[in-house]
Amino acid sequence: MKSFLATTLLIMPAMHTLETPTAQAHSVSHHVNIVINGKVKQFENSPFISNGTTYVPIRYVSETVGAKVKWDQKTKGVTITKEDMNISFVAGQRGATINGQKVDMPSAQLIKGTTMVPLRFVSEALGLEVAWDAQYKTALIGDTNLVELETLGLDEVKLEVLDWSVANNAFPIGTEATVTDVETGRTFKVKRTYGANHADSEPLTASDAQVMKELWGGSYSWTPRAIILEFGDKKLAAAMHSFPHSVQKITNNGYNGHFCIHFQNSTRHKDGRIQQSMQQKVQEAANSGM
């Protein structure tokens, strides 16, 4: 299927920032492409996704769009200038300054001499148009209008159906992911927090919890729905209900408890049995073609 992206897709979905992207190695993926003004770019230090946030080398991206970058080795400070825009921050420290105004920014990371920053920050600070294509795990910067990714020789991320014996390790506790509801296409963010027989998870924010409630008709429910789960370079067929129950780790998301995400041959905690209604929805997700 050909992938066309118009300039209306300017905000990259599912970009919850992470202060230290190297802190959880299992949630970091280097399978991400960067296309600037219609051309695939190669970097000495590859862009990566960490818990849903794409990090890119700030110097190359900035200079590609005509900005100048200055590095202070002593302070590890970075200054970016473009016309009347002045941006500064210190690698390893949270926050930045734009034209004298302090703004929030997850800490930039210094990796093998290259400063990596969240792509959201690049787009907002430099006024760039940015689009995201989950099918090809590709960020498009600059001229995103009608870019045909198939012609660029990029690898498409394939939907996988994993047995729970594999999925349990592929989606470990602590990993954040984007959930796409198969029926409606709506998305929200989750984090796996518990579970041995299946993935006990929680909505990442109150906004994510609200999307879940709306998908189930205005109230949380035990009824399963088919979903696609995406994190790092993984795209998995799964199923979930939305009813909050038992323990929780995230306390500021307006959701009291956790819900269950099931994969092929995952089982219930209470009796160790496979729930057929969940398995039917996993198969529905697998057959969705998403």
C-alpha atoms as a PDB file:
ATOM      1  CA  MET A   1       0.000   0.000   0.000  1.00  0.00           C
ATOM      2  CA  LYS A   2       1.398   3.374  -0.984  1.00  0.00           C
ATOM      3  CA  SER A   3       1.866   5.906   1.777  1.00  0.00           C
ATOM      4  CA  PHE A   4       1.208   9.576   1.073  1.00  0.00           C
ATOM      5  CA  LEU A   5       1.576  12.230   3.746  1.00  0.00           C
ATOM      6  CA  ALA A   6       0.078  15.690   3.436  1.00  0.00           C
ATOM      7  CA  THR A   7       1.109  18.768   5.397  1.00  0.00           C
ATOM      8  CA  THR A   8      -1.972  18.477   7.571  1.00  0.00           C
ATOM      9  CA  LEU A   9      -0.175  15.755   9.558  1.00  0.00           C
ATOM     10  CA  LEU A  10       2.099  18.132  11.374  1.00  0.00           C
ATOM     11  CA  ILE A  11       2.064  16.824  14.924  1.00  0.00           C
ATOM     12  CA  MET A  12       3.726  13.486  15.507  1.00  0.00           C
ATOM     13  CA  PRO A  13       1.313  11.260  17.465  1.00  0.00           C
ATOM     14  CA  ALA A  14       2.276   9.312  20.534  1.00  0.00           C
ATOM     15  CA  MET A  15       5.263  11.470  21.398  1.00  0.00           C
ATOM     16  CA  HIS A  16       5.423  11.390  25.178  1.00  0.00           C
ATOM     17  CA  THR A  17       8.848  12.711  26.026  1.00  0.00           C
ATOM     18  CA  LEU A  18      11.368  10.829  28.115  1.00  0.00           C
ATOM     19  CA  GLU A  19      13.949  12.601  30.205  1.00  0.00           C
ATOM     20  CA  THR A  20      16.648   9.962  29.842  1.00  0.00           C
ATOM     21  CA  PRO A  21      16.158   7.877  26.705  1.00  0.00           C
ATOM     22  CA  THR A  22      19.053   5.551  27.423  1.00  0.00           C
ATOM     23  CA  ALA A  23      17.769   4.616  30.861  1.00  0.00           C
ATOM     24  CA  GLN A  24      15.675   1.656  29.685  1.00  0.00           C
ATOM     25  CA  ALA A  25      17.520  -0.179  26.951  1.00  0.00           C
ATOM     26  CA  HIS A  26      14.619  -2.506  26.208  1.00  0.00           C
ATOM     27  CA  SER A  27      12.441   0.404  25.116  1.00  0.00           C
ATOM     28  CA  VAL A  28      14.947   1.930  22.670  1.00  0.00           C
ATOM     29  CA  SER A  29      14.729   1.199  18.961  1.00  0.00           C
ATOM     30  CA  HIS A  30      17.065   2.327  16.200  1.00  0.00           C
ATOM     31  CA  HIS A  31      14.632   1.302  13.470  1.00  0.00           C
ATOM     32  CA  VAL A  32      13.564   4.789  12.438  1.00  0.00           C
ATOM     33  CA  ASN A  33      13.999   6.670   9.179  1.00  0.00           C
ATOM     34  CA  ILE A  34      14.386  10.412   8.694  1.00  0.00           C
ATOM     35  CA  VAL A  35      13.336  12.076   5.445  1.00  0.00           C
ATOM     36  CA  ILE A  36      14.198  15.775   5.016  1.00  0.00           C
ATOM     37  CA  ASN A  37      12.639  17.612   2.082  1.00  0.00           C
ATOM     38  CA  GLY A  38      11.910  14.344   0.309  1.00  0.00           C
ATOM     39  CA  LYS A  39      15.356  12.769   0.744  1.00  0.00           C
ATOM     40  CA  VAL A  40      16.298   9.916   3.067  1.00  0.00           C
ATOM     41  CA  LYS A  41      19.117  11.033   5.376  1.00  0.00           C
ATOM     42  CA  GLN A  42      21.839   8.867   6.868  1.00  0.00           C
ATOM     43  CA  PHE A  43      23.463   9.829  10.162  1.00  0.00           C
ATOM     44  CA  GLU A  44      26.653   8.769  11.879  1.00  0.00           C
ATOM     45  CA  ASN A  45      24.574   8.400  15.030  1.00  0.00           C
ATOM     46  CA  SER A  46      21.225   6.956  14.041  1.00  0.00           C
ATOM     47  CA  PRO A  47      17.958   8.538  15.159  1.00  0.00           C
ATOM     48  CA  PHE A  48      16.134   6.365  17.680  1.00  0.00           C
ATOM     49  CA  ILE A  49      12.753   5.958  19.314  1.00  0.00           C
ATOM     50  CA  SER A  50      12.609   5.727  23.086  1.00  0.00           C
ATOM     51  CA  ASN A  51       9.232   5.059  24.694  1.00  0.00           C
ATOM     52  CA  GLY A  52       7.426   6.732  21.827  1.00  0.00           C
ATOM     53  CA  THR A  53       9.716   9.739  21.383  1.00  0.00           C
ATOM     54  CA  THR A  54      11.932  10.114  18.325  1.00  0.00           C
ATOM     55  CA  TYR A  55      15.415  11.553  18.967  1.00  0.00           C
ATOM     56  CA  VAL A  56      17.444  13.115  16.137  1.00  0.00           C
ATOM     57  CA  PRO A  57      20.905  14.723  15.792  1.00  0.00           C
ATOM     58  CA  ILE A  58      20.253  18.424  16.269  1.00  0.00           C
ATOM     59  CA  ARG A  59      23.234  19.772  14.279  1.00  0.00           C
ATOM     60  CA  TYR A  60      22.437  17.932  11.049  1.00  0.00           C
ATOM     61  CA  VAL A  61      18.731  18.651  11.158  1.00  0.00           C
ATOM     62  CA  SER A  62      19.271  22.297  12.060  1.00  0.00           C
ATOM     63  CA  GLU A  63      21.906  22.980   9.416  1.00  0.00           C
ATOM     64  CA  THR A  64      19.808  21.219   6.772  1.00  0.00           C
ATOM     65  CA  VAL A  65      17.126  23.888   7.228  1.00  0.00           C
ATOM     66  CA  GLY A  66      19.592  26.793   7.297  1.00  0.00           C
ATOM     67  CA  ALA A  67      20.164  27.195  11.019  1.00  0.00           C
ATOM     68  CA  LYS A  68      23.617  27.620  12.570  1.00  0.00           C
ATOM     69  CA  VAL A  69      24.710  25.489  15.517  1.00  0.00           C
ATOM     70  CA  LYS A  70      27.394  26.384  18.059  1.00  0.00           C
ATOM     71  CA  TRP A  71      28.794  23.892  20.579  1.00  0.00           C
ATOM     72  CA  ASP A  72      30.549  24.824  23.814  1.00  0.00           C
ATOM     73  CA  GLN A  73      32.744  21.915  24.845  1.00  0.00           C
ATOM     74  CA  LYS A  74      33.346  23.256  28.353  1.00  0.00           C
ATOM     75  CA  THR A  75      29.698  23.760  29.334  1.00  0.00           C
ATOM     76  CA  LYS A  76      28.203  21.227  26.881  1.00  0.00           C
ATOM     77  CA  GLY A  77      25.972  24.067  25.786  1.00  0.00           C
ATOM     78  CA  VAL A  78      24.287  24.210  22.361  1.00  0.00           C
ATOM     79  CA  THR A  79      23.164  27.425  20.657  1.00  0.00           C
ATOM     80  CA  ILE A  80      21.045  27.362  17.492  1.00  0.00           C
ATOM     81  CA  THR A  81      20.365  30.528  15.509  1.00  0.00           C
ATOM     82  CA  LYS A  82      18.153  31.068  12.489  1.00  0.00           C
ATOM     83  CA  GLU A  83      17.095  34.561  11.425  1.00  0.00           C
ATOM     84  CA  ASP A  84      15.517  36.080  14.565  1.00  0.00           C
ATOM     85  CA  MET A  85      15.355  32.752  16.440  1.00  0.00           C
ATOM     86  CA  ASN A  86      17.859  31.903  19.177  1.00  0.00           C
ATOM     87  CA  ILE A  87      17.666  28.561  20.951  1.00  0.00           C
ATOM     88  CA  SER A  88      19.996  27.332  23.681  1.00  0.00           C
ATOM     89  CA  PHE A  89      20.212  24.356  26.003  1.00  0.00           C
ATOM     90  CA  VAL A  90      22.757  22.202  27.827  1.00  0.00           C
ATOM     91  CA  ALA A  91      23.155  18.544  26.953  1.00  0.00           C
ATOM     92  CA  GLY A  92      22.089  16.357  29.851  1.00  0.00           C
ATOM     93  CA  GLN A  93      19.949  19.055  31.470  1.00  0.00           C
ATOM     94  CA  ARG A  94      16.198  19.368  31.130  1.00  0.00           C
ATOM     95  CA  GLY A  95      14.849  22.571  29.621  1.00  0.00           C
ATOM     96  CA  ALA A  96      15.880  25.087  26.977  1.00  0.00           C
ATOM     97  CA  THR A  97      15.690  28.814  26.259  1.00  0.00           C
ATOM     98  CA  ILE A  98      14.064  30.250  23.130  1.00  0.00           C
ATOM     99  CA  ASN A  99      14.640  33.986  22.591  1.00  0.00           C
ATOM    100  CA  GLY A 100      15.163  34.454  26.315  1.00  0.00           C
ATOM    101  CA  GLN A 101      12.077  32.457  27.341  1.00  0.00           C
ATOM    102  CA  LYS A 102      12.573  29.250  29.297  1.00  0.00           C
ATOM    103  CA  VAL A 103      10.712  26.277  27.841  1.00  0.00           C
ATOM    104  CA  ASP A 104      10.403  22.653  28.872  1.00  0.00           C
ATOM    105  CA  MET A 105      12.433  20.118  26.925  1.00  0.00           C
ATOM    106  CA  PRO A 106      13.516  16.607  27.909  1.00  0.00           C
ATOM    107  CA  SER A 107      17.262  16.555  28.380  1.00  0.00           C
ATOM    108  CA  ALA A 108      19.263  16.315  25.174  1.00  0.00           C
ATOM    109  CA  GLN A 109      21.614  13.347  25.088  1.00  0.00           C
ATOM    110  CA  LEU A 110      25.277  13.434  24.079  1.00  0.00           C
ATOM    111  CA  ILE A 111      25.984  10.196  22.190  1.00  0.00           C
ATOM    112  CA  LYS A 112      29.445   9.667  20.674  1.00  0.00           C
ATOM    113  CA  GLY A 113      29.922  13.396  20.303  1.00  0.00           C
ATOM    114  CA  THR A 114      26.487  14.000  18.755  1.00  0.00           C
ATOM    115  CA  THR A 115      23.725  15.889  20.559  1.00  0.00           C
ATOM    116  CA  MET A 116      20.388  14.105  20.183  1.00  0.00           C
ATOM    117  CA  VAL A 117      17.140  15.951  20.917  1.00  0.00           C
ATOM    118  CA  PRO A 118      13.438  15.036  20.689  1.00  0.00           C
ATOM    119  CA  LEU A 119      12.059  15.642  17.209  1.00  0.00           C
ATOM    120  CA  ARG A 120       9.034  17.374  18.757  1.00  0.00           C
ATOM    121  CA  PHE A 121      11.393  20.051  20.045  1.00  0.00           C
ATOM    122  CA  VAL A 122      13.034  20.452  16.633  1.00  0.00           C
ATOM    123  CA  SER A 123       9.670  20.929  14.931  1.00  0.00           C
ATOM    124  CA  GLU A 124       8.360  23.427  17.467  1.00  0.00           C
ATOM    125  CA  ALA A 125      11.565  25.422  17.932  1.00  0.00           C
ATOM    126  CA  LEU A 126      12.560  25.718  14.285  1.00  0.00           C
ATOM    127  CA  GLY A 127       9.049  25.976  12.886  1.00  0.00           C
ATOM    128  CA  LEU A 128       9.404  22.854  10.760  1.00  0.00           C
ATOM    129  CA  GLU A 129       6.588  20.817   9.325  1.00  0.00           C
ATOM    130  CA  VAL A 130       6.866  17.276  10.652  1.00  0.00           C
ATOM    131  CA  ALA A 131       4.838  14.188   9.818  1.00  0.00           C
ATOM    132  CA  TRP A 132       5.053  10.623  11.083  1.00  0.00           C
ATOM    133  CA  ASP A 133       4.302   7.437   9.169  1.00  0.00           C
ATOM    134  CA  ALA A 134       3.953   4.464  11.524  1.00  0.00           C
ATOM    135  CA  GLN A 135       3.801   1.971   8.657  1.00  0.00           C
ATOM    136  CA  TYR A 136       7.366   2.792   7.656  1.00  0.00           C
ATOM    137  CA  LYS A 137       8.557   4.134  11.049  1.00  0.00           C
ATOM    138  CA  THR A 138       9.556   7.328   9.256  1.00  0.00           C
ATOM    139  CA  ALA A 139       9.677  10.963  10.326  1.00  0.00           C
ATOM    140  CA  LEU A 140       9.360  13.482   7.487  1.00  0.00           C
ATOM    141  CA  ILE A 141      10.775  16.962   8.061  1.00  0.00           C
ATOM    142  CA  GLY A 142      10.369  20.056   5.929  1.00  0.00           C
ATOM    143  CA  ASP A 143       8.448  19.451   2.700  1.00  0.00           C
ATOM    144  CA  THR A 144       6.116  16.623   3.779  1.00  0.00           C
ATOM    145  CA  ASN A 145       3.563  17.237   1.034  1.00  0.00           C
ATOM    146  CA  LEU A 146       2.713  14.064  -0.869  1.00  0.00           C
ATOM    147  CA  VAL A 147       5.929  12.179  -0.184  1.00  0.00           C
ATOM    148  CA  GLU A 148       5.618   8.627  -1.542  1.00  0.00           C
ATOM    149  CA  LEU A 149       7.584   6.487   0.896  1.00  0.00           C
ATOM    150  CA  GLU A 150       7.490   3.345  -1.249  1.00  0.00           C
ATOM    151  CA  THR A 151       9.691   5.044  -3.842  1.00  0.00           C
ATOM    152  CA  LEU A 152      12.361   5.833  -1.228  1.00  0.00           C
ATOM    153  CA  GLY A 153      13.276   2.189  -0.619  1.00  0.00           C
ATOM    154  CA  LEU A 154      12.205   2.167   3.035  1.00  0.00           C
ATOM    155  CA  ASP A 155      11.309  -1.017   4.868  1.00  0.00           C
ATOM    156  CA  GLU A 156       7.695  -1.329   5.917  1.00  0.00           C
ATOM    157  CA  VAL A 157       7.068  -2.334   9.538  1.00  0.00           C
ATOM    158  CA  LYS A 158       5.112  -5.587   9.388  1.00  0.00           C
ATOM    159  CA  LEU A 159       2.276  -6.554  11.715  1.00  0.00           C
ATOM    160  CA  GLU A 160       3.239  -9.574  13.830  1.00  0.00           C
ATOM    161  CA  VAL A 161       1.140 -12.149  15.666  1.00  0.00           C
ATOM    162  CA  LEU A 162       3.255 -13.311  18.590  1.00  0.00           C
ATOM    163  CA  ASP A 163       2.570 -16.202  20.914  1.00  0.00           C
ATOM    164  CA  TRP A 164       2.491 -15.063  24.535  1.00  0.00           C
ATOM    165  CA  SER A 165       5.714 -16.985  25.220  1.00  0.00           C
ATOM    166  CA  VAL A 166       7.409 -14.530  22.833  1.00  0.00           C
ATOM    167  CA  ALA A 167       5.285 -11.430  23.388  1.00  0.00           C
ATOM    168  CA  ASN A 168       5.940 -11.505  27.134  1.00  0.00           C
ATOM    169  CA  ASN A 169       9.621 -10.753  26.466  1.00  0.00           C
ATOM    170  CA  ALA A 170       9.052  -8.549  23.429  1.00  0.00           C
ATOM    171  CA  PHE A 171       6.750  -6.245  25.444  1.00  0.00           C
ATOM    172  CA  PRO A 172       8.375  -6.282  28.905  1.00  0.00           C
ATOM    173  CA  ILE A 173       7.131  -4.581  32.048  1.00  0.00           C
ATOM    174  CA  GLY A 174       7.981  -0.881  31.981  1.00  0.00           C
ATOM    175  CA  THR A 175       7.526  -0.465  28.227  1.00  0.00           C
ATOM    176  CA  GLU A 176       5.290   2.294  26.867  1.00  0.00           C
ATOM    177  CA  ALA A 177       3.351   1.704  23.657  1.00  0.00           C
ATOM    178  CA  THR A 178       0.803   3.226  21.318  1.00  0.00           C
ATOM    179  CA  VAL A 179      -2.498   1.383  21.014  1.00  0.00           C
ATOM    180  CA  THR A 180      -4.567   1.697  17.832  1.00  0.00           C
ATOM    181  CA  ASP A 181      -8.175   0.573  18.058  1.00  0.00           C
ATOM    182  CA  VAL A 182      -8.805  -1.581  14.975  1.00  0.00           C
ATOM    183  CA  GLU A 183     -12.459  -0.624  14.537  1.00  0.00           C
ATOM    184  CA  THR A 184     -12.091   3.157  14.786  1.00  0.00           C
ATOM    185  CA  GLY A 185      -8.396   3.868  14.192  1.00  0.00           C
ATOM    186  CA  ARG A 186      -8.190   5.994  17.350  1.00  0.00           C
ATOM    187  CA  THR A 187      -4.967   5.843  19.334  1.00  0.00           C
ATOM    188  CA  PHE A 188      -3.854   6.224  22.933  1.00  0.00           C
ATOM    189  CA  LYS A 189      -0.736   5.537  25.015  1.00  0.00           C
ATOM    190  CA  VAL A 190      -0.288   2.776  27.579  1.00  0.00           C
ATOM    191  CA  LYS A 191       2.421   1.330  29.793  1.00  0.00           C
ATOM    192  CA  ARG A 192       2.821  -2.289  30.806  1.00  0.00           C
ATOM    193  CA  THR A 193       3.135  -2.385  34.582  1.00  0.00           C
ATOM    194  CA  TYR A 194       2.422  -5.950  35.734  1.00  0.00           C
ATOM    195  CA  GLY A 195       1.416  -9.398  34.567  1.00  0.00           C
ATOM    196  CA  ALA A 196       2.775 -12.882  33.954  1.00  0.00           C
ATOM    197  CA  ASN A 197      -0.105 -14.570  32.090  1.00  0.00           C
ATOM    198  CA  HIS A 198      -0.812 -11.494  29.965  1.00  0.00           C
ATOM    199  CA  ALA A 199       0.248  -7.832  29.897  1.00  0.00           C
ATOM    200  CA  ASP A 200      -1.373  -5.863  32.709  1.00  0.00           C
ATOM    201  CA  SER A 201      -1.213  -2.256  31.565  1.00  0.00           C
ATOM    202  CA  GLU A 202      -2.359   1.256  32.418  1.00  0.00           C
ATOM    203  CA  PRO A 203      -3.259   4.357  30.386  1.00  0.00           C
ATOM    204  CA  LEU A 204      -0.287   6.700  30.447  1.00  0.00           C
ATOM    205  CA  THR A 205      -2.267   9.903  31.076  1.00  0.00           C
ATOM    206  CA  ALA A 206      -5.779  11.040  31.926  1.00  0.00           C
ATOM    207  CA  SER A 207      -6.258  11.944  28.268  1.00  0.00           C
ATOM    208  CA  ASP A 208      -5.398   8.380  27.274  1.00  0.00           C
ATOM    209  CA  ALA A 209      -7.862   7.053  29.851  1.00  0.00           C
ATOM    210  CA  GLN A 210     -10.563   9.319  28.416  1.00  0.00           C
ATOM    211  CA  VAL A 211      -9.979   7.972  24.902  1.00  0.00           C
ATOM    212  CA  MET A 212     -10.343   4.441  26.263  1.00  0.00           C
ATOM    213  CA  LYS A 213     -13.624   5.299  27.954  1.00  0.00           C
ATOM    214  CA  GLU A 214     -14.986   6.846  24.759  1.00  0.00           C
ATOM    215  CA  LEU A 215     -14.018   3.802  22.699  1.00  0.00           C
ATOM    216  CA  TRP A 216     -16.067   1.590  24.994  1.00  0.00           C
ATOM    217  CA  GLY A 217     -19.137   3.806  24.653  1.00  0.00           C
ATOM    218  CA  GLY A 218     -18.612   6.138  27.606  1.00  0.00           C
ATOM    219  CA  SER A 219     -17.861   3.642  30.374  1.00  0.00           C
ATOM    220  CA  TYR A 220     -15.105   1.126  31.004  1.00  0.00           C
ATOM    221  CA  SER A 221     -15.955  -2.464  30.126  1.00  0.00           C
ATOM    222  CA  TRP A 222     -14.709  -6.051  30.275  1.00  0.00           C
ATOM    223  CA  THR A 223     -15.689  -6.494  26.615  1.00  0.00           C
ATOM    224  CA  PRO A 224     -12.579  -7.140  24.458  1.00  0.00           C
ATOM    225  CA  ARG A 225     -11.632  -5.021  21.453  1.00  0.00           C
ATOM    226  CA  ALA A 226      -9.081  -5.747  18.729  1.00  0.00           C
ATOM    227  CA  ILE A 227      -6.004  -3.511  18.908  1.00  0.00           C
ATOM    228  CA  ILE A 228      -2.617  -2.938  17.301  1.00  0.00           C
ATOM    229  CA  LEU A 229       0.212  -2.360  19.787  1.00  0.00           C
ATOM    230  CA  GLU A 230       3.248  -0.364  18.589  1.00  0.00           C
ATOM    231  CA  PHE A 231       6.517   0.323  20.401  1.00  0.00           C
ATOM    232  CA  GLY A 232      10.094   0.575  19.193  1.00  0.00           C
ATOM    233  CA  ASP A 233      10.273  -1.416  15.959  1.00  0.00           C
ATOM    234  CA  LYS A 234       7.388  -3.707  16.953  1.00  0.00           C
ATOM    235  CA  LYS A 235       3.825  -3.764  15.633  1.00  0.00           C
ATOM    236  CA  LEU A 236       1.775  -6.494  17.304  1.00  0.00           C
ATOM    237  CA  ALA A 237      -1.758  -7.867  16.995  1.00  0.00           C
ATOM    238  CA  ALA A 238      -3.460  -7.930  20.395  1.00  0.00           C
ATOM    239  CA  ALA A 239      -6.736  -7.478  22.276  1.00  0.00           C
ATOM    240  CA  MET A 240      -7.772  -5.695  25.461  1.00  0.00           C
ATOM    241  CA  HIS A 241     -10.654  -4.736  27.699  1.00  0.00           C
ATOM    242  CA  SER A 242     -10.792  -1.388  29.475  1.00  0.00           C
ATOM    243  CA  PHE A 243     -12.154  -2.157  32.941  1.00  0.00           C
ATOM    244  CA  PRO A 244      -9.930  -0.816  35.777  1.00  0.00           C
ATOM    245  CA  HIS A 245      -9.225  -3.345  38.505  1.00  0.00           C
ATOM    246  CA  SER A 246      -6.709  -4.375  41.156  1.00  0.00           C
ATOM    247  CA  VAL A 247      -3.296  -2.709  41.621  1.00  0.00           C
ATOM    248  CA  GLN A 248      -1.808   0.259  39.776  1.00  0.00           C
ATOM    249  CA  LYS A 249       1.535   2.040  39.433  1.00  0.00           C
ATOM    250  CA  ILE A 250       0.515   5.223  37.615  1.00  0.00           C
ATOM    251  CA  THR A 251      -1.360   7.416  40.060  1.00  0.00           C
ATOM    252  CA  ASN A 252      -2.034  10.603  38.082  1.00  0.00           C
ATOM    253  CA  ASN A 253      -3.915   9.250  35.072  1.00  0.00           C
ATOM    254  CA  GLY A 254      -7.458   9.344  36.473  1.00  0.00           C
ATOM    255  CA  TYR A 255      -7.681   5.558  36.176  1.00  0.00           C
ATOM    256  CA  ASN A 256      -7.918   3.416  39.312  1.00  0.00           C
ATOM    257  CA  GLY A 257      -6.224   0.121  38.563  1.00  0.00           C
ATOM    258  CA  HIS A 258      -4.999  -1.628  35.434  1.00  0.00           C
ATOM    259  CA  PHE A 259      -6.524  -3.397  32.429  1.00  0.00           C
ATOM    260  CA  CYS A 260      -5.446  -6.497  30.496  1.00  0.00           C
ATOM    261  CA  ILE A 261      -3.800  -6.806  27.081  1.00  0.00           C
ATOM    262  CA  HIS A 262      -3.841 -10.281  25.578  1.00  0.00           C
ATOM    263  CA  PHE A 263      -1.790 -11.877  22.818  1.00  0.00           C
ATOM    264  CA  GLN A 264      -2.038 -15.215  21.066  1.00  0.00           C
ATOM    265  CA  ASN A 265      -2.401 -17.982  23.699  1.00  0.00           C
ATOM    266  CA  SER A 266      -2.101 -15.655  26.691  1.00  0.00           C
ATOM    267  CA  THR A 267      -4.229 -16.694  29.652  1.00  0.00           C
ATOM    268  CA  ARG A 268      -6.241 -15.254  32.522  1.00  0.00           C
ATOM    269  CA  HIS A 269      -4.630 -14.788  35.911  1.00  0.00           C
ATOM    270  CA  LYS A 270      -7.543 -16.192  37.884  1.00  0.00           C
ATOM    271  CA  ASP A 271      -7.593 -19.686  36.366  1.00  0.00           C
ATOM    272  CA  GLY A 272      -4.741 -19.890  33.845  1.00  0.00           C
ATOM    273  CA  ARG A 273      -7.179 -20.511  31.000  1.00  0.00           C
ATOM    274  CA  ILE A 274      -7.298 -18.986  27.542  1.00  0.00           C
ATOM    275  CA  GLN A 275     -10.178 -16.513  27.104  1.00  0.00           C
ATOM    276  CA  GLN A 276     -11.690 -17.268  23.720  1.00  0.00           C
ATOM    277  CA  SER A 277     -13.318 -13.848  23.327  1.00  0.00           C
ATOM    278  CA  MET A 278      -9.863 -12.271  23.667  1.00  0.00           C
ATOM    279  CA  GLN A 279      -8.334 -14.705  21.188  1.00  0.00           C
ATOM    280  CA  GLN A 280     -11.043 -13.910  18.643  1.00  0.00           C
ATOM    281  CA  LYS A 281     -10.145 -10.233  18.886  1.00  0.00           C
ATOM    282  CA  VAL A 282      -6.410 -10.967  18.574  1.00  0.00           C
ATOM    283  CA  GLN A 283      -7.223 -12.779  15.335  1.00  0.00           C
ATOM    284  CA  GLU A 284      -9.381  -9.851  14.210  1.00  0.00           C
ATOM    285  CA  ALA A 285      -6.415  -7.560  14.753  1.00  0.00           C
ATOM    286  CA  ALA A 286      -4.159  -9.962  12.853  1.00  0.00           C
ATOM    287  CA  ASN A 287      -6.548  -9.953   9.893  1.00  0.00           C
ATOM    288  CA  SER A 288      -7.080  -6.189   9.915  1.00  0.00           C
ATOM    289  CA  GLY A 289      -4.359  -5.384   7.396  1.00  0.00           C
ATOM    290  CA  MET A 290      -3.270  -2.403   9.529  1.00  0.00           C
END
